Every structure is written in structure tokens, then in C-alpha cells.
Amino acid sequence: MFFDTNDINVKILSSLELNWEKRNDYSDIRPYHAISFRIKGGATFRHQKGQLNVKTGDIVFVPALYPYNLISDREHLFVIHFITDAP
């Protein structure tokens, strides 16, 4: 599929390197998208439509306005938070 990137605007809000031990957190509705790359560890995203299991080396996209519960053991990852006007 081809698309013209001149029609897409992306604004990066933050880029973070995150490390944590075991966690069980709820992420409420956020006004921005997130894309993360797991350097080490794994997690389970539980959401309205089921769950997604991720592991070392996975890239995950979480759209804006999408609440979820994150259950994980020790993790190391990079994440970028951004907004876009792309459809």
C-alpha cells in the first residue's frame, strides 16, 4: 500500500526509556498514541477485546483513547508518545 507522507503530521510528545520490576497497572484513556519496543521482559495487556502477550523484541502500538491493564514482570523498554492527524 502506498500513501503520501506529506499528508500526515506527527508530533512526538515524549520518548522514554523505562525499567521496572513486577507491576500491575491500569492505564486510563490517554489523548495520545504510544509505540514501544521491549528490550527485555514481557507483559500482558488486558483490554476490552481480550488480551495481548508481548515479549522481548516485540514492538507494540497502543492507540489513543484505549484503556488497558498492564501486568508484567521485570521489563526494560523504550516508548514514544505521539499525536497525529492521520486517519
C-alpha atoms as a PDB file:
ATOM      1  CA  MET A   1       0.000   0.000   0.000  1.00  0.00           C
ATOM      2  CA  PHE A   2       1.261   3.473  -0.891  1.00  0.00           C
ATOM      3  CA  PHE A   3       0.415   6.730   0.830  1.00  0.00           C
ATOM      4  CA  ASP A   4       1.716  10.268   0.586  1.00  0.00           C
ATOM      5  CA  THR A   5       3.577  11.139   3.791  1.00  0.00           C
ATOM      6  CA  ASN A   6       3.116  14.843   3.050  1.00  0.00           C
ATOM      7  CA  ASP A   7      -0.478  14.436   4.241  1.00  0.00           C
ATOM      8  CA  ILE A   8       0.465  13.056   7.668  1.00  0.00           C
ATOM      9  CA  ASN A   9       1.542  15.192  10.596  1.00  0.00           C
ATOM     10  CA  VAL A  10       3.110  13.582  13.662  1.00  0.00           C
ATOM     11  CA  LYS A  11       4.071  15.393  16.851  1.00  0.00           C
ATOM     12  CA  ILE A  12       6.249  13.473  19.317  1.00  0.00           C
ATOM     13  CA  LEU A  13       5.266  14.343  22.887  1.00  0.00           C
ATOM     14  CA  SER A  14       7.889  12.284  24.713  1.00  0.00           C
ATOM     15  CA  SER A  15      10.376   9.487  24.271  1.00  0.00           C
ATOM     16  CA  LEU A  16      11.297   7.492  27.359  1.00  0.00           C
ATOM     17  CA  GLU A  17      13.483   4.612  28.437  1.00  0.00           C
ATOM     18  CA  LEU A  18      11.637   2.686  31.149  1.00  0.00           C
ATOM     19  CA  ASN A  19      12.706  -0.001  33.606  1.00  0.00           C
ATOM     20  CA  TRP A  20      10.537  -1.560  36.267  1.00  0.00           C
ATOM     21  CA  GLU A  21      10.090  -4.636  38.359  1.00  0.00           C
ATOM     22  CA  LYS A  22       6.837  -6.533  38.630  1.00  0.00           C
ATOM     23  CA  ARG A  23       3.745  -4.362  38.103  1.00  0.00           C
ATOM     24  CA  ASN A  24       0.007  -4.475  37.651  1.00  0.00           C
ATOM     25  CA  ASP A  25      -1.242  -1.069  36.488  1.00  0.00           C
ATOM     26  CA  TYR A  26      -4.297   0.370  34.824  1.00  0.00           C
ATOM     27  CA  SER A  27      -3.871   2.934  32.051  1.00  0.00           C
ATOM     28  CA  ASP A  28      -6.961   5.063  31.632  1.00  0.00           C
ATOM     29  CA  ILE A  29      -7.894   6.799  28.395  1.00  0.00           C
ATOM     30  CA  ARG A  30      -4.968   8.880  27.110  1.00  0.00           C
ATOM     31  CA  PRO A  31      -5.168  11.553  24.383  1.00  0.00           C
ATOM     32  CA  TYR A  32      -2.035  10.270  22.608  1.00  0.00           C
ATOM     33  CA  HIS A  33      -0.755   7.132  20.860  1.00  0.00           C
ATOM     34  CA  ALA A  34       2.178   5.065  22.139  1.00  0.00           C
ATOM     35  CA  ILE A  35       4.631   2.778  20.400  1.00  0.00           C
ATOM     36  CA  SER A  36       7.052   0.746  22.495  1.00  0.00           C
ATOM     37  CA  PHE A  37       9.971  -1.606  21.898  1.00  0.00           C
ATOM     38  CA  ARG A  38      10.712  -4.210  24.571  1.00  0.00           C
ATOM     39  CA  ILE A  39      14.428  -4.678  25.091  1.00  0.00           C
ATOM     40  CA  LYS A  40      13.912  -7.205  27.876  1.00  0.00           C
ATOM     41  CA  GLY A  41      10.941  -8.762  29.602  1.00  0.00           C
ATOM     42  CA  GLY A  42       7.347  -9.418  28.807  1.00  0.00           C
ATOM     43  CA  ALA A  43       3.876  -8.220  29.663  1.00  0.00           C
ATOM     44  CA  THR A  44       0.192  -8.849  29.171  1.00  0.00           C
ATOM     45  CA  PHE A  45      -2.080  -6.054  28.003  1.00  0.00           C
ATOM     46  CA  ARG A  46      -5.689  -6.759  29.027  1.00  0.00           C
ATOM     47  CA  HIS A  47      -8.326  -4.688  27.272  1.00  0.00           C
ATOM     48  CA  GLN A  48     -11.985  -4.730  26.242  1.00  0.00           C
ATOM     49  CA  LYS A  49     -11.416  -7.114  23.334  1.00  0.00           C
ATOM     50  CA  GLY A  50      -9.203  -9.634  25.137  1.00  0.00           C
ATOM     51  CA  GLN A  51      -5.508  -9.627  25.839  1.00  0.00           C
ATOM     52  CA  LEU A  52      -2.167  -9.321  24.105  1.00  0.00           C
ATOM     53  CA  ASN A  53       1.010 -11.023  25.344  1.00  0.00           C
ATOM     54  CA  VAL A  54       4.296  -9.354  24.416  1.00  0.00           C
ATOM     55  CA  LYS A  55       7.903 -10.416  24.908  1.00  0.00           C
ATOM     56  CA  THR A  56      11.496  -9.286  24.396  1.00  0.00           C
ATOM     57  CA  GLY A  57      11.944  -7.836  20.901  1.00  0.00           C
ATOM     58  CA  ASP A  58       8.267  -7.017  20.343  1.00  0.00           C
ATOM     59  CA  ILE A  59       7.004  -3.639  19.151  1.00  0.00           C
ATOM     60  CA  VAL A  60       3.581  -2.620  20.461  1.00  0.00           C
ATOM     61  CA  PHE A  61       1.277   0.139  19.232  1.00  0.00           C
ATOM     62  CA  VAL A  62      -1.384   1.380  21.656  1.00  0.00           C
ATOM     63  CA  PRO A  63      -3.822   3.840  20.088  1.00  0.00           C
ATOM     64  CA  ALA A  64      -5.087   6.960  21.819  1.00  0.00           C
ATOM     65  CA  LEU A  65      -8.292   6.682  23.851  1.00  0.00           C
ATOM     66  CA  TYR A  66      -7.668   2.986  24.591  1.00  0.00           C
ATOM     67  CA  PRO A  67      -7.765   1.930  28.262  1.00  0.00           C
ATOM     68  CA  TYR A  68      -5.941  -1.243  29.318  1.00  0.00           C
ATOM     69  CA  ASN A  69      -4.474  -3.104  32.270  1.00  0.00           C
ATOM     70  CA  LEU A  70      -0.758  -3.962  32.117  1.00  0.00           C
ATOM     71  CA  ILE A  71       0.572  -6.971  34.010  1.00  0.00           C
ATOM     72  CA  SER A  72       4.302  -7.534  33.803  1.00  0.00           C
ATOM     73  CA  ASP A  73       7.401  -8.873  35.427  1.00  0.00           C
ATOM     74  CA  ARG A  74      10.724  -7.068  35.134  1.00  0.00           C
ATOM     75  CA  GLU A  75      10.866  -5.029  31.913  1.00  0.00           C
ATOM     76  CA  HIS A  76      13.179  -2.684  30.037  1.00  0.00           C
ATOM     77  CA  LEU A  77      11.676  -0.782  27.106  1.00  0.00           C
ATOM     78  CA  PHE A  78      11.648   2.371  25.015  1.00  0.00           C
ATOM     79  CA  VAL A  79       8.353   4.163  24.356  1.00  0.00           C
ATOM     80  CA  ILE A  80       7.347   7.114  22.188  1.00  0.00           C
ATOM     81  CA  HIS A  81       4.144   9.055  22.922  1.00  0.00           C
ATOM     82  CA  PHE A  82       2.779  10.995  19.950  1.00  0.00           C
ATOM     83  CA  ILE A  83      -0.254  12.576  18.314  1.00  0.00           C
ATOM     84  CA  THR A  84      -1.113  12.580  14.631  1.00  0.00           C
ATOM     85  CA  ASP A  85      -3.813  13.812  12.315  1.00  0.00           C
ATOM     86  CA  ALA A  86      -3.616  10.652  10.190  1.00  0.00           C
ATOM     87  CA  PRO A  87      -6.973   8.967   9.636  1.00  0.00           C
END
